[in-house]
């Protein structure tokens, strides 16, 4: 499938989601092009193709467009920000603070998204977050690991005043809270009344480990 066809499918999916959800639900779109997986054999969408998608997403009221171009194309990201009016997000697999700070300095990002587990750790993520927030950008970390990873990112986001949203790893039927947090005494759940995830008040990350479950998977 060519780049134009893939872009058209993405836009069609968002149109369907907007039609089903209405205008009051915030929708974010992720093109997953900042970094490449070993199995990625198709070429990334280039700037003209992404620009066409971004124009349509703007008309659909999309809140931000995540990782629309490869990480090295900071100039392209800045062009998308300036010419489409859409917020640009990215950085979930950045390996160094310099990579993220460089993207911010280049005007490539509105929303910075390092994952403290996969990327730069809690301390450096906090530093990047503070720099982003001081420049009137958003800090919304990637959290797609497990319950402990989610809590680590939650603590950093809450500590610096990140948001306005926090990613919650949930993709049933394969990726439920119970499967994601199987080694925790209690899975992390969204509060039904507020629609938010509460920051635990206990020591450390605030999670209790189910030692019996961990023992079943211990090696040696």
Protein backbone atom coordinates (compact mmCIF):
# COMPACT_ATOMS: atom_id res chain seq x y z
CA UNK A 1 0.00 0.00 0.00
CA UNK A 2 1.37 3.40 -0.98
CA UNK A 3 1.86 6.40 1.27
CA UNK A 4 -1.21 8.20 -0.08
CA UNK A 5 -3.43 5.17 0.54
CA UNK A 6 -2.13 4.74 4.10
CA UNK A 7 -2.70 8.43 4.81
CA UNK A 8 -6.23 8.20 3.46
CA UNK A 9 -7.03 5.25 5.72
CA UNK A 10 -5.79 7.15 8.77
CA UNK A 11 -7.95 10.15 7.99
CA UNK A 12 -10.98 7.94 7.34
CA UNK A 13 -10.55 6.25 10.72
CA UNK A 14 -10.49 9.62 12.48
CA UNK A 15 -13.58 10.79 10.58
CA UNK A 16 -15.41 7.67 11.76
CA UNK A 17 -14.25 8.20 15.36
CA UNK A 18 -15.36 11.83 15.32
CA UNK A 19 -18.72 10.88 13.90
CA UNK A 20 -19.25 8.26 16.61
CA UNK A 21 -17.92 10.33 19.54
CA UNK A 22 -19.26 13.76 18.67
CA UNK A 23 -17.50 17.10 19.00
CA UNK A 24 -16.98 17.14 22.78
CA UNK A 25 -14.42 14.29 22.98
CA UNK A 26 -10.75 15.17 22.52
CA UNK A 27 -9.10 13.03 19.83
CA UNK A 28 -5.35 12.65 19.41
CA UNK A 29 -3.78 10.95 16.38
CA UNK A 30 -0.47 9.05 16.40
CA UNK A 31 1.36 8.36 13.11
CA UNK A 32 4.17 6.46 14.92
CA UNK A 33 6.93 7.81 12.66
CA UNK A 34 9.37 9.33 15.17
CA UNK A 35 11.15 6.00 15.61
CA UNK A 36 11.26 2.79 13.58
CA UNK A 37 10.73 -0.80 14.67
CA UNK A 38 13.05 -3.53 13.28
CA UNK A 39 10.14 -4.94 11.27
CA UNK A 40 9.19 -1.64 9.61
CA UNK A 41 9.84 -2.20 5.91
CA UNK A 42 7.64 0.49 4.35
CA UNK A 43 8.95 3.99 3.93
CA UNK A 44 7.78 6.69 6.31
CA UNK A 45 5.24 9.20 5.04
CA UNK A 46 7.00 12.32 3.80
CA UNK A 47 6.13 15.92 4.61
CA UNK A 48 3.68 16.53 1.71
CA UNK A 49 1.72 13.37 2.55
CA UNK A 50 1.58 14.19 6.26
CA UNK A 51 0.62 17.79 5.46
CA UNK A 52 -2.47 16.56 3.59
CA UNK A 53 -3.43 14.34 6.53
CA UNK A 54 -2.81 17.15 9.02
CA UNK A 55 -5.05 19.57 7.11
CA UNK A 56 -7.93 17.11 7.31
CA UNK A 57 -7.26 16.33 10.97
CA UNK A 58 -7.40 20.04 11.78
CA UNK A 59 -10.85 20.23 10.22
CA UNK A 60 -11.90 17.28 12.41
CA UNK A 61 -10.82 19.12 15.57
CA UNK A 62 -7.92 16.80 16.46
CA UNK A 63 -6.11 18.02 19.58
CA UNK A 64 -2.62 16.95 18.54
CA UNK A 65 -0.75 14.93 15.92
CA UNK A 66 1.83 12.62 17.48
CA UNK A 67 5.12 11.66 15.83
CA UNK A 68 4.11 12.67 12.29
CA UNK A 69 7.66 12.54 10.91
CA UNK A 70 10.96 10.79 11.74
CA UNK A 71 12.87 12.24 14.69
CA UNK A 72 15.61 13.71 12.49
CA UNK A 73 13.13 15.79 10.50
CA UNK A 74 12.78 18.61 13.01
CA UNK A 75 12.44 21.16 10.24
CA UNK A 76 9.49 19.22 8.84
CA UNK A 77 7.86 19.06 12.26
CA UNK A 78 8.24 22.80 12.66
CA UNK A 79 6.75 23.36 9.21
CA UNK A 80 3.71 21.27 10.15
CA UNK A 81 3.24 23.27 13.36
CA UNK A 82 3.48 26.59 11.57
CA UNK A 83 1.43 25.77 8.46
CA UNK A 84 -1.37 23.59 9.84
CA UNK A 85 -2.07 25.05 13.28
CA UNK A 86 -2.12 21.54 14.77
CA UNK A 87 -0.17 20.77 17.93
CA UNK A 88 2.76 18.42 17.25
CA UNK A 89 3.69 15.79 19.85
CA UNK A 90 6.52 13.29 20.17
CA UNK A 91 9.58 11.96 21.93
CA UNK A 92 8.33 8.75 23.56
CA UNK A 93 11.46 6.78 22.62
CA UNK A 94 14.01 9.59 22.85
CA UNK A 95 17.19 8.25 24.44
CA UNK A 96 18.74 11.44 25.77
CA UNK A 97 17.51 14.72 27.25
CA UNK A 98 19.46 16.49 24.52
CA UNK A 99 17.31 14.93 21.82
CA UNK A 100 14.14 16.24 23.47
CA UNK A 101 15.55 19.64 24.36
CA UNK A 102 16.86 19.97 20.81
CA UNK A 103 13.39 19.26 19.41
CA UNK A 104 11.90 21.92 21.67
CA UNK A 105 14.60 24.43 20.74
CA UNK A 106 14.01 23.74 17.04
CA UNK A 107 10.31 24.55 17.42
CA UNK A 108 9.34 21.00 16.46
CA UNK A 109 7.09 20.10 19.40
CA UNK A 110 4.12 21.48 21.27
CA UNK A 111 3.73 18.36 23.43
CA UNK A 112 6.81 16.56 24.76
CA UNK A 113 6.27 12.87 25.61
CA UNK A 114 9.29 11.01 27.01
CA UNK A 115 8.56 7.76 28.83
CA UNK A 116 10.57 7.62 32.07
CA UNK A 117 10.84 3.82 31.73
CA UNK A 118 11.75 3.54 28.05
CA UNK A 119 13.66 6.78 27.65
CA UNK A 120 15.42 9.08 30.09
CA UNK A 121 14.35 8.19 33.64
CA UNK A 122 12.34 10.16 36.19
CA UNK A 123 14.88 12.84 37.10
CA UNK A 124 15.80 13.81 33.55
CA UNK A 125 12.18 13.58 32.40
CA UNK A 126 11.29 16.07 35.12
CA UNK A 127 14.01 18.43 33.89
CA UNK A 128 12.76 18.19 30.30
CA UNK A 129 9.19 18.71 31.52
CA UNK A 130 10.12 21.84 33.44
CA UNK A 131 11.90 23.30 30.40
CA UNK A 132 8.88 22.52 28.22
CA UNK A 133 6.39 24.01 30.66
CA UNK A 134 8.45 27.17 31.12
CA UNK A 135 8.26 27.66 27.35
CA UNK A 136 4.45 27.23 27.45
CA UNK A 137 4.49 23.72 25.96
CA UNK A 138 2.75 20.60 27.29
CA UNK A 139 4.29 17.60 29.06
CA UNK A 140 2.27 14.40 28.58
CA UNK A 141 4.53 11.35 28.97
CA UNK A 142 4.18 8.10 27.07
CA UNK A 143 3.15 5.39 29.57
CA UNK A 144 2.59 2.22 27.52
CA UNK A 145 4.42 -0.33 29.69
CA UNK A 146 2.84 -1.75 32.87
CA UNK A 147 1.41 -0.53 36.16
CA UNK A 148 4.76 0.45 37.65
CA UNK A 149 5.74 2.32 34.51
CA UNK A 150 2.40 4.08 34.48
CA UNK A 151 2.86 5.13 38.12
CA UNK A 152 6.39 6.41 37.52
CA UNK A 153 5.19 8.63 34.68
CA UNK A 154 2.12 9.67 36.67
CA UNK A 155 4.27 10.88 39.58
CA UNK A 156 6.51 12.95 37.29
CA UNK A 157 3.54 14.45 35.43
CA UNK A 158 1.74 15.31 38.66
CA UNK A 159 4.92 16.68 40.24
CA UNK A 160 5.55 19.22 37.47
CA UNK A 161 1.94 20.00 36.60
CA UNK A 162 1.88 18.12 33.31
CA UNK A 163 -1.15 17.38 31.20
CA UNK A 164 -3.84 18.20 30.34
CA UNK A 165 -4.09 14.46 29.64
CA UNK A 166 -2.23 11.35 30.78
CA UNK A 167 -2.01 8.28 28.58
CA UNK A 168 -3.66 5.23 30.18
CA UNK A 169 -2.54 1.86 28.75
CA UNK A 170 -5.79 0.07 27.92
CA UNK A 171 -6.53 -1.86 24.73
CA UNK A 172 -9.06 -4.63 25.37
CA UNK A 173 -9.47 -7.48 24.95
CA UNK A 174 -5.74 -8.16 24.79
CA UNK A 175 -4.41 -5.41 27.06
CA UNK A 176 -6.65 -4.94 30.09
CA UNK A 177 -5.81 -3.48 33.51
CA UNK A 178 -5.69 -6.98 34.99
CA UNK A 179 -3.26 -8.32 32.40
CA UNK A 180 -1.11 -5.17 32.41
CA UNK A 181 -0.82 -5.13 36.23
CA UNK A 182 -0.82 -8.87 36.94
CA UNK A 183 2.05 -8.56 39.43
CA UNK A 184 0.40 -5.79 41.47
CA UNK A 185 -1.88 -6.48 44.42
CA UNK A 186 -4.53 -4.28 42.77
CA UNK A 187 -4.64 -3.11 39.15
CA UNK A 188 -4.67 0.62 38.50
CA UNK A 189 -8.17 1.76 37.59
CA UNK A 190 -9.73 4.99 36.36
CA UNK A 191 -11.97 6.65 38.94
CA UNK A 192 -15.50 6.18 37.60
CA UNK A 193 -16.75 9.49 39.04
CA UNK A 194 -13.95 11.81 37.96
CA UNK A 195 -12.57 9.98 34.93
CA UNK A 196 -9.07 10.43 36.35
CA UNK A 197 -6.26 8.32 37.78
CA UNK A 198 -5.47 9.11 41.39
CA UNK A 199 -1.85 9.61 42.47
CA UNK A 200 -1.12 7.03 45.21
CA UNK A 201 -0.26 8.43 48.63
CA UNK A 202 1.88 5.50 49.81
CA UNK A 203 5.69 5.34 49.90
CA UNK A 204 7.73 4.98 46.74
CA UNK A 205 5.56 4.74 43.66
CA UNK A 206 2.63 3.77 45.87
CA UNK A 207 2.14 0.26 44.47
CA UNK A 208 1.91 -3.00 46.41
CA UNK A 209 3.53 -5.98 44.70
CA UNK A 210 1.81 -9.37 44.75
CA UNK A 211 4.78 -11.41 45.97
CA UNK A 212 3.02 -14.75 45.35
CA UNK A 213 2.59 -13.92 41.68
CA UNK A 214 6.20 -12.75 41.39
CA UNK A 215 7.41 -15.98 43.04
CA UNK A 216 5.66 -18.08 40.38
CA UNK A 217 7.74 -16.41 37.67
CA UNK A 218 11.04 -16.32 39.56
CA UNK A 219 13.96 -18.01 37.80
CA UNK A 220 16.70 -19.67 39.82
